[in-house]
Amino acid sequence: MLLKTPESILWISENNGSFKKNFLKEFSMLGIPSERIIFTKYLNSMGGEHLKRYGLADLFLDTLPFNAHTTAVDTLKAGVPTLTLPGKSFASRVGSSLLTAVNLPELISPNQESYEALAIELAHHPDKLAEIKQKLIRKLLNAPLFDTPLFTTHRELACEQMYQRYQNDLLPDYIAIN
């Protein structure tokens, strides 16, 4: 995708020198100059500095076979659109679950080809990416995914229902909280 978007950069976390060296070597063999790869050090999530840094990105590309999990939550919370390609396992479907929770299904790609095509399209059409970003920011204001008090209330209700089932000698079963 970097070859098809010459104005873009790849921003990636790096935690050891050999990773960085090998990564740059592989990208150099593909014809991508090292100036287009930005390595960042891990930031502790306490204090929110990592969210400020994520907010500098235009688009977060979720990966396979394992989706980003906490990083995807953080990038969405920072207002960064997240493009994902769900797989078949739980670990590879987290991104699509998060995007469904904030009602952004247009960022869930059904296959590798559409994933790459959408990433390239958004890189070439910053106005479309800006629209998606504004939609995400509006959705964050009332998305249940980021409503901690609501989550806490639902969690408490679920625990109460589980305890009631236990007290009534009932077998475990599904619990629905509305």
Protein backbone atom coordinates (compact mmCIF):
# COMPACT_ATOMS: atom_id res chain seq x y z
CA MET A 1 0.00 0.00 0.00
CA LEU A 2 2.89 2.38 0.68
CA LEU A 3 4.02 2.03 -2.93
CA LYS A 4 0.56 3.13 -4.11
CA THR A 5 0.39 6.09 -1.71
CA PRO A 6 3.66 7.99 -2.19
CA GLU A 7 2.65 10.82 0.18
CA SER A 8 1.91 8.47 3.09
CA ILE A 9 4.10 7.31 5.93
CA LEU A 10 3.96 4.24 8.12
CA TRP A 11 4.04 4.92 11.83
CA ILE A 12 4.86 1.86 13.91
CA SER A 13 5.86 1.06 17.48
CA GLU A 14 9.35 -0.28 17.98
CA ASN A 15 10.75 -1.83 21.09
CA ASN A 16 14.13 -3.14 19.99
CA GLY A 17 16.89 -2.20 17.58
CA SER A 18 16.98 -5.47 15.65
CA PHE A 19 13.28 -5.15 14.80
CA LYS A 20 13.85 -1.65 13.42
CA LYS A 21 16.92 -2.72 11.42
CA ASN A 22 15.17 -5.76 9.89
CA PHE A 23 11.98 -3.81 9.20
CA LEU A 24 13.86 -1.04 7.36
CA LYS A 25 15.85 -3.62 5.38
CA GLU A 26 12.67 -5.35 4.18
CA PHE A 27 11.00 -2.08 3.22
CA SER A 28 14.15 -0.90 1.45
CA MET A 29 14.07 -4.06 -0.68
CA LEU A 30 10.50 -3.08 -1.65
CA GLY A 31 11.69 0.36 -2.73
CA ILE A 32 10.27 2.28 0.22
CA PRO A 33 12.72 4.82 1.67
CA SER A 34 13.40 4.78 5.39
CA GLU A 35 12.15 8.39 5.71
CA ARG A 36 8.62 7.08 5.14
CA ILE A 37 8.79 4.81 8.18
CA ILE A 38 8.46 6.45 11.59
CA PHE A 39 9.27 4.40 14.67
CA THR A 40 7.90 5.38 18.05
CA LYS A 41 8.64 4.14 21.51
CA TYR A 42 5.97 2.69 23.76
CA LEU A 43 4.15 5.25 25.88
CA ASN A 44 2.51 4.29 29.14
CA SER A 45 -1.27 4.61 28.85
CA MET A 46 -1.50 6.36 32.22
CA GLY A 47 -2.08 10.07 31.81
CA GLY A 48 -3.40 9.90 28.26
CA GLU A 49 -0.20 10.89 26.42
CA HIS A 50 -0.58 7.89 24.13
CA LEU A 51 -4.07 9.09 23.11
CA LYS A 52 -2.66 12.49 22.16
CA ARG A 53 -0.05 10.77 20.02
CA TYR A 54 -2.63 8.49 18.37
CA GLY A 55 -4.70 11.55 17.58
CA LEU A 56 -1.93 12.72 15.23
CA ALA A 57 -2.60 9.81 12.85
CA ASP A 58 -4.99 10.03 9.91
CA LEU A 59 -5.91 6.34 9.68
CA PHE A 60 -5.16 3.26 11.76
CA LEU A 61 -4.71 0.02 9.81
CA ASP A 62 -5.76 -2.93 11.92
CA THR A 63 -3.86 -6.13 11.21
CA LEU A 64 -4.43 -9.83 10.67
CA PRO A 65 -4.32 -12.48 11.96
CA PHE A 66 -4.64 -10.68 15.30
CA ASN A 67 -6.54 -7.40 15.56
CA ALA A 68 -5.29 -4.54 17.70
CA HIS A 69 -7.65 -4.89 20.71
CA THR A 70 -6.65 -2.15 23.19
CA THR A 71 -4.79 -0.12 20.57
CA ALA A 72 -7.89 -0.10 18.35
CA VAL A 73 -10.01 1.10 21.29
CA ASP A 74 -7.47 3.83 22.00
CA THR A 75 -7.22 4.99 18.39
CA LEU A 76 -10.99 5.15 18.09
CA LYS A 77 -11.18 7.05 21.39
CA ALA A 78 -8.58 9.45 19.98
CA GLY A 79 -10.86 10.02 16.96
CA VAL A 80 -8.76 8.08 14.45
CA PRO A 81 -10.71 6.01 11.90
CA THR A 82 -9.69 2.36 12.08
CA LEU A 83 -9.78 0.13 9.01
CA THR A 84 -10.07 -3.58 9.74
CA LEU A 85 -10.36 -6.93 8.02
CA PRO A 86 -12.04 -9.49 10.28
CA GLY A 87 -10.84 -13.05 10.34
CA LYS A 88 -12.48 -16.21 11.67
CA SER A 89 -11.17 -16.25 15.27
CA PHE A 90 -12.08 -14.04 18.22
CA ALA A 91 -8.64 -12.42 18.18
CA SER A 92 -9.10 -11.46 14.53
CA ARG A 93 -12.62 -10.06 14.90
CA VAL A 94 -12.13 -7.52 17.67
CA GLY A 95 -11.70 -4.63 15.24
CA SER A 96 -14.98 -5.36 13.48
CA SER A 97 -16.75 -5.66 16.85
CA LEU A 98 -15.43 -2.27 17.91
CA LEU A 99 -16.41 -0.62 14.62
CA THR A 100 -19.86 -2.18 14.87
CA ALA A 101 -20.16 -0.78 18.41
CA VAL A 102 -19.50 2.75 17.13
CA ASN A 103 -21.64 2.17 14.01
CA LEU A 104 -18.89 2.52 11.40
CA PRO A 105 -19.43 -0.60 9.27
CA GLU A 106 -17.94 1.13 6.22
CA LEU A 107 -14.50 0.57 7.79
CA ILE A 108 -14.96 -3.22 8.01
CA SER A 109 -13.58 -4.82 4.83
CA PRO A 110 -14.90 -8.18 3.66
CA ASN A 111 -11.60 -9.26 2.04
CA GLN A 112 -7.94 -8.33 1.60
CA GLU A 113 -8.51 -6.66 -1.78
CA SER A 114 -11.20 -4.30 -0.48
CA TYR A 115 -9.13 -3.59 2.65
CA GLU A 116 -6.19 -2.46 0.54
CA ALA A 117 -8.41 -0.60 -1.94
CA LEU A 118 -10.16 1.35 0.83
CA ALA A 119 -6.88 2.23 2.55
CA ILE A 120 -5.51 3.55 -0.74
CA GLU A 121 -8.75 5.39 -1.56
CA LEU A 122 -8.76 7.12 1.83
CA ALA A 123 -5.10 8.08 1.42
CA HIS A 124 -5.86 9.67 -1.95
CA HIS A 125 -9.12 11.33 -0.81
CA PRO A 126 -8.45 13.15 2.46
CA ASP A 127 -11.88 14.79 2.23
CA LYS A 128 -13.58 11.38 2.46
CA LEU A 129 -11.29 10.39 5.36
CA ALA A 130 -12.12 13.69 7.10
CA GLU A 131 -15.86 12.93 6.74
CA ILE A 132 -15.38 9.51 8.33
CA LYS A 133 -13.30 11.06 11.11
CA GLN A 134 -16.03 13.63 11.85
CA LYS A 135 -18.64 10.86 11.86
CA LEU A 136 -16.50 8.89 14.34
CA ILE A 137 -16.08 11.91 16.61
CA ARG A 138 -19.86 12.51 16.59
CA LYS A 139 -20.52 8.83 17.37
CA LEU A 140 -18.07 8.84 20.27
CA LEU A 141 -20.25 11.29 22.13
CA ASN A 142 -22.96 8.65 22.65
CA ALA A 143 -21.39 5.30 21.72
CA PRO A 144 -22.10 2.65 24.38
CA LEU A 145 -18.56 1.36 23.81
CA PHE A 146 -17.14 4.38 25.67
CA ASP A 147 -19.96 4.85 28.19
CA THR A 148 -18.25 3.55 31.34
CA PRO A 149 -21.15 4.32 33.71
CA LEU A 150 -23.57 2.40 31.45
CA PHE A 151 -21.13 -0.51 31.18
CA THR A 152 -20.75 -0.56 34.97
CA THR A 153 -24.52 -0.56 35.47
CA HIS A 154 -24.97 -3.41 32.99
CA ARG A 155 -22.13 -5.37 34.59
CA GLU A 156 -23.72 -4.98 38.03
CA LEU A 157 -27.12 -6.10 36.70
CA ALA A 158 -25.53 -9.15 35.10
CA CYS A 159 -23.80 -10.07 38.38
CA GLU A 160 -27.09 -9.71 40.25
CA GLN A 161 -28.84 -11.98 37.74
CA MET A 162 -26.06 -14.56 38.01
CA TYR A 163 -26.32 -14.51 41.78
CA GLN A 164 -30.11 -14.89 41.60
CA ARG A 165 -29.70 -17.92 39.33
CA TYR A 166 -27.22 -19.37 41.82
CA GLN A 167 -29.56 -18.69 44.78
CA ASN A 168 -32.41 -20.43 42.91
CA ASP A 169 -30.22 -23.47 42.08
CA LEU A 170 -30.52 -22.77 38.34
CA LEU A 171 -27.89 -23.83 35.84
CA PRO A 172 -25.80 -21.17 34.12
CA ASP A 173 -27.55 -19.64 31.13
CA TYR A 174 -27.42 -16.61 28.86
CA ILE A 175 -28.09 -13.28 30.51
CA ALA A 176 -29.38 -10.35 28.48
CA ILE A 177 -29.13 -6.81 29.81
CA ASN A 178 -31.06 -4.17 27.89
